[in-house]
Full PDB file with SEQRES, HELIX, SHEET, SSBOND, CRYST1, ORIGX, SCALE, CONECT and MASTER records, all heavy atoms in Angstrom:
SEQRES   1 A   32  TYR ILE THR GLY GLU LEU THR GLN VAL ASP TRP ARG LYS          
SEQRES   2 A   32  ILE ALA ALA TRP LYS PRO ASP ALA VAL ILE HIS LEU ALA          
SEQRES   3 A   32  GLY PRO ALA LEU VAL SER                                      
HELIX    1 AA1 TRP A   11  ALA A   16  1                                   6    
CRYST1    1.000    1.000    1.000  90.00  90.00  90.00 P 1           1          
ORIGX1      1.000000  0.000000  0.000000        0.00000                         
ORIGX2      0.000000  1.000000  0.000000        0.00000                         
ORIGX3      0.000000  0.000000  1.000000        0.00000                         
SCALE1      1.000000  0.000000  0.000000        0.00000                         
SCALE2      0.000000  1.000000  0.000000        0.00000                         
SCALE3      0.000000  0.000000  1.000000        0.00000                         
ATOM      1  N   TYR A   1     -94.631  36.526  83.575  1.00  0.00           N  
ATOM      2  CA  TYR A   1     -94.643  35.608  84.713  1.00  0.00           C  
ATOM      3  C   TYR A   1     -94.459  36.357  86.027  1.00  0.00           C  
ATOM      4  O   TYR A   1     -93.691  37.321  86.108  1.00  0.00           O  
ATOM      5  CB  TYR A   1     -93.517  34.579  84.587  1.00  0.00           C  
ATOM      6  CG  TYR A   1     -93.738  33.539  83.510  1.00  0.00           C  
ATOM      7  CD1 TYR A   1     -93.422  33.806  82.190  1.00  0.00           C  
ATOM      8  CD2 TYR A   1     -94.265  32.287  83.815  1.00  0.00           C  
ATOM      9  CE1 TYR A   1     -93.614  32.853  81.194  1.00  0.00           C  
ATOM     10  CE2 TYR A   1     -94.455  31.327  82.834  1.00  0.00           C  
ATOM     11  CZ  TYR A   1     -94.133  31.627  81.529  1.00  0.00           C  
ATOM     12  OH  TYR A   1     -94.325  30.680  80.554  1.00  0.00           O  
ATOM     13  N   ILE A   2     -95.155  35.881  87.036  1.00  0.00           N  
ATOM     14  CA  ILE A   2     -94.936  36.315  88.416  1.00  0.00           C  
ATOM     15  C   ILE A   2     -94.672  35.062  89.231  1.00  0.00           C  
ATOM     16  O   ILE A   2     -95.506  34.145  89.263  1.00  0.00           O  
ATOM     17  CB  ILE A   2     -96.151  37.066  88.994  1.00  0.00           C  
ATOM     18  CG1 ILE A   2     -96.428  38.337  88.208  1.00  0.00           C  
ATOM     19  CG2 ILE A   2     -95.931  37.378  90.468  1.00  0.00           C  
ATOM     20  CD1 ILE A   2     -97.674  39.092  88.679  1.00  0.00           C  
ATOM     21  N   THR A   3     -93.525  34.999  89.889  1.00  0.00           N  
ATOM     22  CA  THR A   3     -93.181  33.835  90.698  1.00  0.00           C  
ATOM     23  C   THR A   3     -93.434  34.146  92.171  1.00  0.00           C  
ATOM     24  O   THR A   3     -92.935  35.137  92.704  1.00  0.00           O  
ATOM     25  CB  THR A   3     -91.704  33.453  90.503  1.00  0.00           C  
ATOM     26  OG1 THR A   3     -91.459  33.182  89.118  1.00  0.00           O  
ATOM     27  CG2 THR A   3     -91.356  32.209  91.313  1.00  0.00           C  
ATOM     28  N   GLY A   4     -94.224  33.298  92.821  1.00  0.00           N  
ATOM     29  CA  GLY A   4     -94.519  33.503  94.235  1.00  0.00           C  
ATOM     30  C   GLY A   4     -95.814  32.816  94.630  1.00  0.00           C  
ATOM     31  O   GLY A   4     -96.559  32.328  93.780  1.00  0.00           O  
ATOM     32  N   GLU A   5     -96.039  32.769  95.929  1.00  0.00           N  
ATOM     33  CA  GLU A   5     -97.285  32.198  96.425  1.00  0.00           C  
ATOM     34  C   GLU A   5     -98.457  33.071  95.996  1.00  0.00           C  
ATOM     35  O   GLU A   5     -98.367  34.307  95.981  1.00  0.00           O  
ATOM     36  CB  GLU A   5     -97.251  32.096  97.952  1.00  0.00           C  
ATOM     37  CG  GLU A   5     -96.206  31.135  98.498  1.00  0.00           C  
ATOM     38  CD  GLU A   5     -96.570  29.678  98.239  1.00  0.00           C  
ATOM     39  OE1 GLU A   5     -97.752  29.405  97.918  1.00  0.00           O  
ATOM     40  OE2 GLU A   5     -95.693  28.818  98.366  1.00  0.00           O  
ATOM     41  N   LEU A   6     -99.563  32.446  95.680  1.00  0.00           N  
ATOM     42  CA  LEU A   6    -100.741  33.170  95.212  1.00  0.00           C  
ATOM     43  C   LEU A   6    -101.200  34.210  96.224  1.00  0.00           C  
ATOM     44  O   LEU A   6    -101.695  35.278  95.863  1.00  0.00           O  
ATOM     45  CB  LEU A   6    -101.872  32.171  94.932  1.00  0.00           C  
ATOM     46  CG  LEU A   6    -103.067  32.677  94.123  1.00  0.00           C  
ATOM     47  CD1 LEU A   6    -102.646  33.030  92.705  1.00  0.00           C  
ATOM     48  CD2 LEU A   6    -104.167  31.632  94.103  1.00  0.00           C  
ATOM     49  N   THR A   7    -101.013  33.892  97.493  1.00  0.00           N  
ATOM     50  CA  THR A   7    -101.472  34.793  98.554  1.00  0.00           C  
ATOM     51  C   THR A   7    -100.476  35.899  98.870  1.00  0.00           C  
ATOM     52  O   THR A   7    -100.756  36.747  99.720  1.00  0.00           O  
ATOM     53  CB  THR A   7    -101.740  33.990  99.843  1.00  0.00           C  
ATOM     54  OG1 THR A   7    -100.548  33.261 100.201  1.00  0.00           O  
ATOM     55  CG2 THR A   7    -102.882  33.002  99.637  1.00  0.00           C  
ATOM     56  N   GLN A   8     -99.327  35.901  98.195  1.00  0.00           N  
ATOM     57  CA  GLN A   8     -98.286  36.867  98.541  1.00  0.00           C  
ATOM     58  C   GLN A   8     -97.881  37.785  97.395  1.00  0.00           C  
ATOM     59  O   GLN A   8     -97.100  38.718  97.605  1.00  0.00           O  
ATOM     60  CB  GLN A   8     -97.044  36.126  99.073  1.00  0.00           C  
ATOM     61  CG  GLN A   8     -97.311  35.370 100.361  1.00  0.00           C  
ATOM     62  CD  GLN A   8     -96.108  34.572 100.840  1.00  0.00           C  
ATOM     63  OE1 GLN A   8     -95.040  34.605 100.229  1.00  0.00           O  
ATOM     64  NE2 GLN A   8     -96.265  33.848 101.938  1.00  0.00           N  
ATOM     65  N   VAL A   9     -98.369  37.541  96.196  1.00  0.00           N  
ATOM     66  CA  VAL A   9     -98.019  38.411  95.078  1.00  0.00           C  
ATOM     67  C   VAL A   9     -98.818  39.712  95.179  1.00  0.00           C  
ATOM     68  O   VAL A   9     -99.802  39.805  95.921  1.00  0.00           O  
ATOM     69  CB  VAL A   9     -98.284  37.708  93.727  1.00  0.00           C  
ATOM     70  CG1 VAL A   9     -97.443  36.451  93.621  1.00  0.00           C  
ATOM     71  CG2 VAL A   9     -99.765  37.373  93.558  1.00  0.00           C  
ATOM     72  N   ASP A  10     -98.411  40.714  94.411  1.00  0.00           N  
ATOM     73  CA  ASP A  10     -99.037  42.035  94.486  1.00  0.00           C  
ATOM     74  C   ASP A  10    -100.299  42.065  93.618  1.00  0.00           C  
ATOM     75  O   ASP A  10    -100.244  42.327  92.409  1.00  0.00           O  
ATOM     76  CB  ASP A  10     -98.044  43.106  94.010  1.00  0.00           C  
ATOM     77  CG  ASP A  10     -98.527  44.518  94.312  1.00  0.00           C  
ATOM     78  OD1 ASP A  10     -99.731  44.685  94.592  1.00  0.00           O  
ATOM     79  OD2 ASP A  10     -97.709  45.450  94.260  1.00  0.00           O  
ATOM     80  N   TRP A  11    -101.440  41.832  94.246  1.00  0.00           N  
ATOM     81  CA  TRP A  11    -102.697  41.792  93.517  1.00  0.00           C  
ATOM     82  C   TRP A  11    -103.197  43.182  93.147  1.00  0.00           C  
ATOM     83  O   TRP A  11    -104.063  43.310  92.274  1.00  0.00           O  
ATOM     84  CB  TRP A  11    -103.746  41.034  94.321  1.00  0.00           C  
ATOM     85  CG  TRP A  11    -103.556  39.555  94.196  1.00  0.00           C  
ATOM     86  CD1 TRP A  11    -102.886  38.736  95.042  1.00  0.00           C  
ATOM     87  CD2 TRP A  11    -104.025  38.733  93.117  1.00  0.00           C  
ATOM     88  NE1 TRP A  11    -102.893  37.448  94.567  1.00  0.00           N  
ATOM     89  CE2 TRP A  11    -103.590  37.414  93.394  1.00  0.00           C  
ATOM     90  CE3 TRP A  11    -104.750  38.977  91.954  1.00  0.00           C  
ATOM     91  CZ2 TRP A  11    -103.873  36.344  92.541  1.00  0.00           C  
ATOM     92  CZ3 TRP A  11    -105.030  37.918  91.101  1.00  0.00           C  
ATOM     93  CH2 TRP A  11    -104.592  36.623  91.391  1.00  0.00           C  
ATOM     94  N   ARG A  12    -102.651  44.217  93.745  1.00  0.00           N  
ATOM     95  CA  ARG A  12    -103.043  45.568  93.348  1.00  0.00           C  
ATOM     96  C   ARG A  12    -102.575  45.854  91.919  1.00  0.00           C  
ATOM     97  O   ARG A  12    -103.312  46.436  91.120  1.00  0.00           O  
ATOM     98  CB  ARG A  12    -102.446  46.600  94.313  1.00  0.00           C  
ATOM     99  CG  ARG A  12    -103.062  46.583  95.705  1.00  0.00           C  
ATOM    100  CD  ARG A  12    -102.337  47.539  96.623  1.00  0.00           C  
ATOM    101  NE  ARG A  12    -100.932  47.143  96.790  1.00  0.00           N  
ATOM    102  CZ  ARG A  12    -100.055  47.830  97.516  1.00  0.00           C  
ATOM    103  NH1 ARG A  12    -100.443  48.926  98.138  1.00  0.00           N  
ATOM    104  NH2 ARG A  12     -98.804  47.407  97.626  1.00  0.00           N  
ATOM    105  N   LYS A  13    -101.372  45.406  91.606  1.00  0.00           N  
ATOM    106  CA  LYS A  13    -100.857  45.594  90.250  1.00  0.00           C  
ATOM    107  C   LYS A  13    -101.619  44.724  89.255  1.00  0.00           C  
ATOM    108  O   LYS A  13    -101.865  45.139  88.123  1.00  0.00           O  
ATOM    109  CB  LYS A  13     -99.363  45.268  90.209  1.00  0.00           C  
ATOM    110  CG  LYS A  13     -98.490  46.261  90.952  1.00  0.00           C  
ATOM    111  CD  LYS A  13     -97.023  45.909  90.794  1.00  0.00           C  
ATOM    112  CE  LYS A  13     -96.139  46.939  91.499  1.00  0.00           C  
ATOM    113  NZ  LYS A  13     -94.687  46.614  91.362  1.00  0.00           N  
ATOM    114  N   ILE A  14    -101.970  43.522  89.691  1.00  0.00           N  
ATOM    115  CA  ILE A  14    -102.721  42.624  88.801  1.00  0.00           C  
ATOM    116  C   ILE A  14    -104.096  43.203  88.511  1.00  0.00           C  
ATOM    117  O   ILE A  14    -104.570  43.187  87.369  1.00  0.00           O  
ATOM    118  CB  ILE A  14    -102.832  41.225  89.437  1.00  0.00           C  
ATOM    119  CG1 ILE A  14    -101.433  40.616  89.609  1.00  0.00           C  
ATOM    120  CG2 ILE A  14    -103.716  40.312  88.584  1.00  0.00           C  
ATOM    121  CD1 ILE A  14    -101.420  39.330  90.391  1.00  0.00           C  
ATOM    122  N   ALA A  15    -104.750  43.746  89.540  1.00  0.00           N  
ATOM    123  CA  ALA A  15    -106.067  44.360  89.354  1.00  0.00           C  
ATOM    124  C   ALA A  15    -105.972  45.583  88.450  1.00  0.00           C  
ATOM    125  O   ALA A  15    -106.862  45.836  87.621  1.00  0.00           O  
ATOM    126  CB  ALA A  15    -106.666  44.732  90.702  1.00  0.00           C  
ATOM    127  N   ALA A  16    -104.878  46.338  88.579  1.00  0.00           N  
ATOM    128  CA  ALA A  16    -104.687  47.528  87.745  1.00  0.00           C  
ATOM    129  C   ALA A  16    -104.484  47.156  86.277  1.00  0.00           C  
ATOM    130  O   ALA A  16    -104.760  47.967  85.384  1.00  0.00           O  
ATOM    131  CB  ALA A  16    -103.491  48.326  88.256  1.00  0.00           C  
ATOM    132  N   TRP A  17    -104.024  45.949  86.037  1.00  0.00           N  
ATOM    133  CA  TRP A  17    -103.845  45.441  84.670  1.00  0.00           C  
ATOM    134  C   TRP A  17    -105.195  45.192  83.996  1.00  0.00           C  
ATOM    135  O   TRP A  17    -105.300  45.105  82.790  1.00  0.00           O  
ATOM    136  CB  TRP A  17    -103.015  44.164  84.725  1.00  0.00           C  
ATOM    137  CG  TRP A  17    -102.556  43.624  83.407  1.00  0.00           C  
ATOM    138  CD1 TRP A  17    -101.814  44.282  82.463  1.00  0.00           C  
ATOM    139  CD2 TRP A  17    -102.783  42.305  82.894  1.00  0.00           C  
ATOM    140  NE1 TRP A  17    -101.570  43.452  81.393  1.00  0.00           N  
ATOM    141  CE2 TRP A  17    -102.146  42.238  81.627  1.00  0.00           C  
ATOM    142  CE3 TRP A  17    -103.454  41.188  83.377  1.00  0.00           C  
ATOM    143  CZ2 TRP A  17    -102.169  41.086  80.850  1.00  0.00           C  
ATOM    144  CZ3 TRP A  17    -103.475  40.037  82.607  1.00  0.00           C  
ATOM    145  CH2 TRP A  17    -102.840  39.995  81.357  1.00  0.00           C  
ATOM    146  N   LYS A  18    -106.244  45.058  84.795  1.00  0.00           N  
ATOM    147  CA  LYS A  18    -107.626  44.881  84.356  1.00  0.00           C  
ATOM    148  C   LYS A  18    -107.820  43.633  83.481  1.00  0.00           C  
ATOM    149  O   LYS A  18    -108.191  43.740  82.308  1.00  0.00           O  
ATOM    150  CB  LYS A  18    -108.122  46.132  83.630  1.00  0.00           C  
ATOM    151  CG  LYS A  18    -108.157  47.374  84.506  1.00  0.00           C  
ATOM    152  CD  LYS A  18    -108.692  48.574  83.757  1.00  0.00           C  
ATOM    153  CE  LYS A  18    -108.740  49.805  84.665  1.00  0.00           C  
ATOM    154  NZ  LYS A  18    -109.255  51.002  83.955  1.00  0.00           N  
ATOM    155  N   PRO A  19    -107.606  42.471  84.064  1.00  0.00           N  
ATOM    156  CA  PRO A  19    -107.792  41.238  83.280  1.00  0.00           C  
ATOM    157  C   PRO A  19    -109.261  40.993  82.947  1.00  0.00           C  
ATOM    158  O   PRO A  19    -110.154  41.376  83.691  1.00  0.00           O  
ATOM    159  CB  PRO A  19    -107.247  40.154  84.213  1.00  0.00           C  
ATOM    160  CG  PRO A  19    -107.425  40.710  85.583  1.00  0.00           C  
ATOM    161  CD  PRO A  19    -107.194  42.192  85.443  1.00  0.00           C  
ATOM    162  N   ASP A  20    -109.468  40.324  81.817  1.00  0.00           N  
ATOM    163  CA  ASP A  20    -110.819  39.952  81.407  1.00  0.00           C  
ATOM    164  C   ASP A  20    -111.240  38.617  82.008  1.00  0.00           C  
ATOM    165  O   ASP A  20    -112.438  38.325  82.104  1.00  0.00           O  
ATOM    166  CB  ASP A  20    -110.900  39.858  79.879  1.00  0.00           C  
ATOM    167  CG  ASP A  20    -110.622  41.190  79.214  1.00  0.00           C  
ATOM    168  OD1 ASP A  20    -111.459  42.093  79.350  1.00  0.00           O  
ATOM    169  OD2 ASP A  20    -109.556  41.324  78.577  1.00  0.00           O  
ATOM    170  N   ALA A  21    -110.255  37.803  82.371  1.00  0.00           N  
ATOM    171  CA  ALA A  21    -110.556  36.478  82.922  1.00  0.00           C  
ATOM    172  C   ALA A  21    -109.425  36.015  83.815  1.00  0.00           C  
ATOM    173  O   ALA A  21    -108.268  36.400  83.628  1.00  0.00           O  
ATOM    174  CB  ALA A  21    -110.791  35.469  81.802  1.00  0.00           C  
ATOM    175  N   VAL A  22    -109.781  35.178  84.780  1.00  0.00           N  
ATOM    176  CA  VAL A  22    -108.806  34.514  85.643  1.00  0.00           C  
ATOM    177  C   VAL A  22    -109.051  33.014  85.541  1.00  0.00           C  
ATOM    178  O   VAL A  22    -110.145  32.542  85.866  1.00  0.00           O  
ATOM    179  CB  VAL A  22    -108.923  34.964  87.111  1.00  0.00           C  
ATOM    180  CG1 VAL A  22    -107.931  34.189  87.980  1.00  0.00           C  
ATOM    181  CG2 VAL A  22    -108.692  36.465  87.236  1.00  0.00           C  
ATOM    182  N   ILE A  23    -108.051  32.283  85.083  1.00  0.00           N  
ATOM    183  CA  ILE A  23    -108.150  30.826  85.001  1.00  0.00           C  
ATOM    184  C   ILE A  23    -107.383  30.247  86.185  1.00  0.00           C  
ATOM    185  O   ILE A  23    -106.162  30.389  86.271  1.00  0.00           O  
ATOM    186  CB  ILE A  23    -107.578  30.298  83.670  1.00  0.00           C  
ATOM    187  CG1 ILE A  23    -108.340  30.915  82.494  1.00  0.00           C  
ATOM    188  CG2 ILE A  23    -107.667  28.774  83.618  1.00  0.00           C  
ATOM    189  CD1 ILE A  23    -107.793  30.531  81.129  1.00  0.00           C  
ATOM    190  N   HIS A  24    -108.106  29.619  87.079  1.00  0.00           N  
ATOM    191  CA  HIS A  24    -107.517  29.175  88.349  1.00  0.00           C  
ATOM    192  C   HIS A  24    -107.172  27.683  88.300  1.00  0.00           C  
ATOM    193  O   HIS A  24    -108.040  26.818  88.370  1.00  0.00           O  
ATOM    194  CB  HIS A  24    -108.493  29.452  89.488  1.00  0.00           C  
ATOM    195  CG  HIS A  24    -107.962  29.133  90.844  1.00  0.00           C  
ATOM    196  ND1 HIS A  24    -106.644  29.326  91.197  1.00  0.00           N  
ATOM    197  CD2 HIS A  24    -108.572  28.617  91.958  1.00  0.00           C  
ATOM    198  CE1 HIS A  24    -106.459  28.953  92.451  1.00  0.00           C  
ATOM    199  NE2 HIS A  24    -107.611  28.524  92.926  1.00  0.00           N  
ATOM    200  N   LEU A  25    -105.870  27.420  88.178  1.00  0.00           N  
ATOM    201  CA  LEU A  25    -105.356  26.049  88.131  1.00  0.00           C  
ATOM    202  C   LEU A  25    -104.470  25.713  89.326  1.00  0.00           C  
ATOM    203  O   LEU A  25    -104.154  24.544  89.544  1.00  0.00           O  
ATOM    204  CB  LEU A  25    -104.552  25.837  86.843  1.00  0.00           C  
ATOM    205  CG  LEU A  25    -105.352  25.805  85.544  1.00  0.00           C  
ATOM    206  CD1 LEU A  25    -104.446  26.120  84.366  1.00  0.00           C  
ATOM    207  CD2 LEU A  25    -106.015  24.458  85.364  1.00  0.00           C  
ATOM    208  N   ALA A  26    -104.059  26.719  90.077  1.00  0.00           N  
ATOM    209  CA  ALA A  26    -103.153  26.487  91.196  1.00  0.00           C  
ATOM    210  C   ALA A  26    -103.822  25.646  92.274  1.00  0.00           C  
ATOM    211  O   ALA A  26    -105.010  25.819  92.557  1.00  0.00           O  
ATOM    212  CB  ALA A  26    -102.697  27.823  91.786  1.00  0.00           C  
ATOM    213  N   GLY A  27    -103.057  24.739  92.863  1.00  0.00           N  
ATOM    214  CA  GLY A  27    -103.591  23.910  93.937  1.00  0.00           C  
ATOM    215  C   GLY A  27    -103.116  22.474  93.824  1.00  0.00           C  
ATOM    216  O   GLY A  27    -102.399  22.107  92.887  1.00  0.00           O  
ATOM    217  N   PRO A  28    -103.500  21.641  94.772  1.00  0.00           N  
ATOM    218  CA  PRO A  28    -103.101  20.225  94.770  1.00  0.00           C  
ATOM    219  C   PRO A  28    -103.560  19.524  93.500  1.00  0.00           C  
ATOM    220  O   PRO A  28    -104.588  19.857  92.920  1.00  0.00           O  
ATOM    221  CB  PRO A  28    -103.804  19.659  96.002  1.00  0.00           C  
ATOM    222  CG  PRO A  28    -104.075  20.846  96.879  1.00  0.00           C  
ATOM    223  CD  PRO A  28    -104.328  21.983  95.944  1.00  0.00           C  
ATOM    224  N   ALA A  29    -102.767  18.519  93.077  1.00  0.00           N  
ATOM    225  CA  ALA A  29    -103.077  17.832  91.822  1.00  0.00           C  
ATOM    226  C   ALA A  29    -103.188  16.319  91.963  1.00  0.00           C  
ATOM    227  O   ALA A  29    -103.565  15.648  91.006  1.00  0.00           O  
ATOM    228  CB  ALA A  29    -102.009  18.165  90.778  1.00  0.00           C  
ATOM    229  N   LEU A  30    -102.865  15.778  93.140  1.00  0.00           N  
ATOM    230  CA  LEU A  30    -102.852  14.322  93.301  1.00  0.00           C  
ATOM    231  C   LEU A  30    -103.825  13.883  94.392  1.00  0.00           C  
ATOM    232  O   LEU A  30    -103.753  14.353  95.529  1.00  0.00           O  
ATOM    233  CB  LEU A  30    -101.444  13.828  93.635  1.00  0.00           C  
ATOM    234  CG  LEU A  30    -100.384  14.024  92.540  1.00  0.00           C  
ATOM    235  CD1 LEU A  30     -99.010  13.617  93.073  1.00  0.00           C  
ATOM    236  CD2 LEU A  30    -100.736  13.232  91.296  1.00  0.00           C  
ATOM    237  N   VAL A  31    -104.720  12.976  94.032  1.00  0.00           N  
ATOM    238  CA  VAL A  31    -105.681  12.446  94.994  1.00  0.00           C  
ATOM    239  C   VAL A  31    -104.965  11.732  96.131  1.00  0.00           C  
ATOM    240  O   VAL A  31    -105.308  11.903  97.312  1.00  0.00           O  
ATOM    241  CB  VAL A  31    -106.663  11.482  94.302  1.00  0.00           C  
ATOM    242  CG1 VAL A  31    -107.569  10.820  95.332  1.00  0.00           C  
ATOM    243  CG2 VAL A  31    -107.495  12.218  93.268  1.00  0.00           C  
ATOM    244  N   SER A  32    -103.958  10.937  95.799  1.00  0.00           N  
ATOM    245  CA  SER A  32    -103.267  10.133  96.806  1.00  0.00           C  
ATOM    246  C   SER A  32    -102.611  10.984  97.882  1.00  0.00           C  
ATOM    247  O   SER A  32    -102.592  10.612  99.064  1.00  0.00           O  
ATOM    248  CB  SER A  32    -102.212   9.246  96.134  1.00  0.00           C  
ATOM    249  OG  SER A  32    -101.275  10.037  95.405  1.00  0.00           O  
TER     250      SER A  32                                                      
MASTER        0    0    0    1    0    0    0    6  249    1    0    3          
END                                                                             
């Protein structure tokens, strides 16, 4: 786990991990 805003975490380390896929679920969830 990495806790933090998506725009503020260390993406250099994530890129170095060399993921095969990114599943993007972060964001607003309620229409209202």
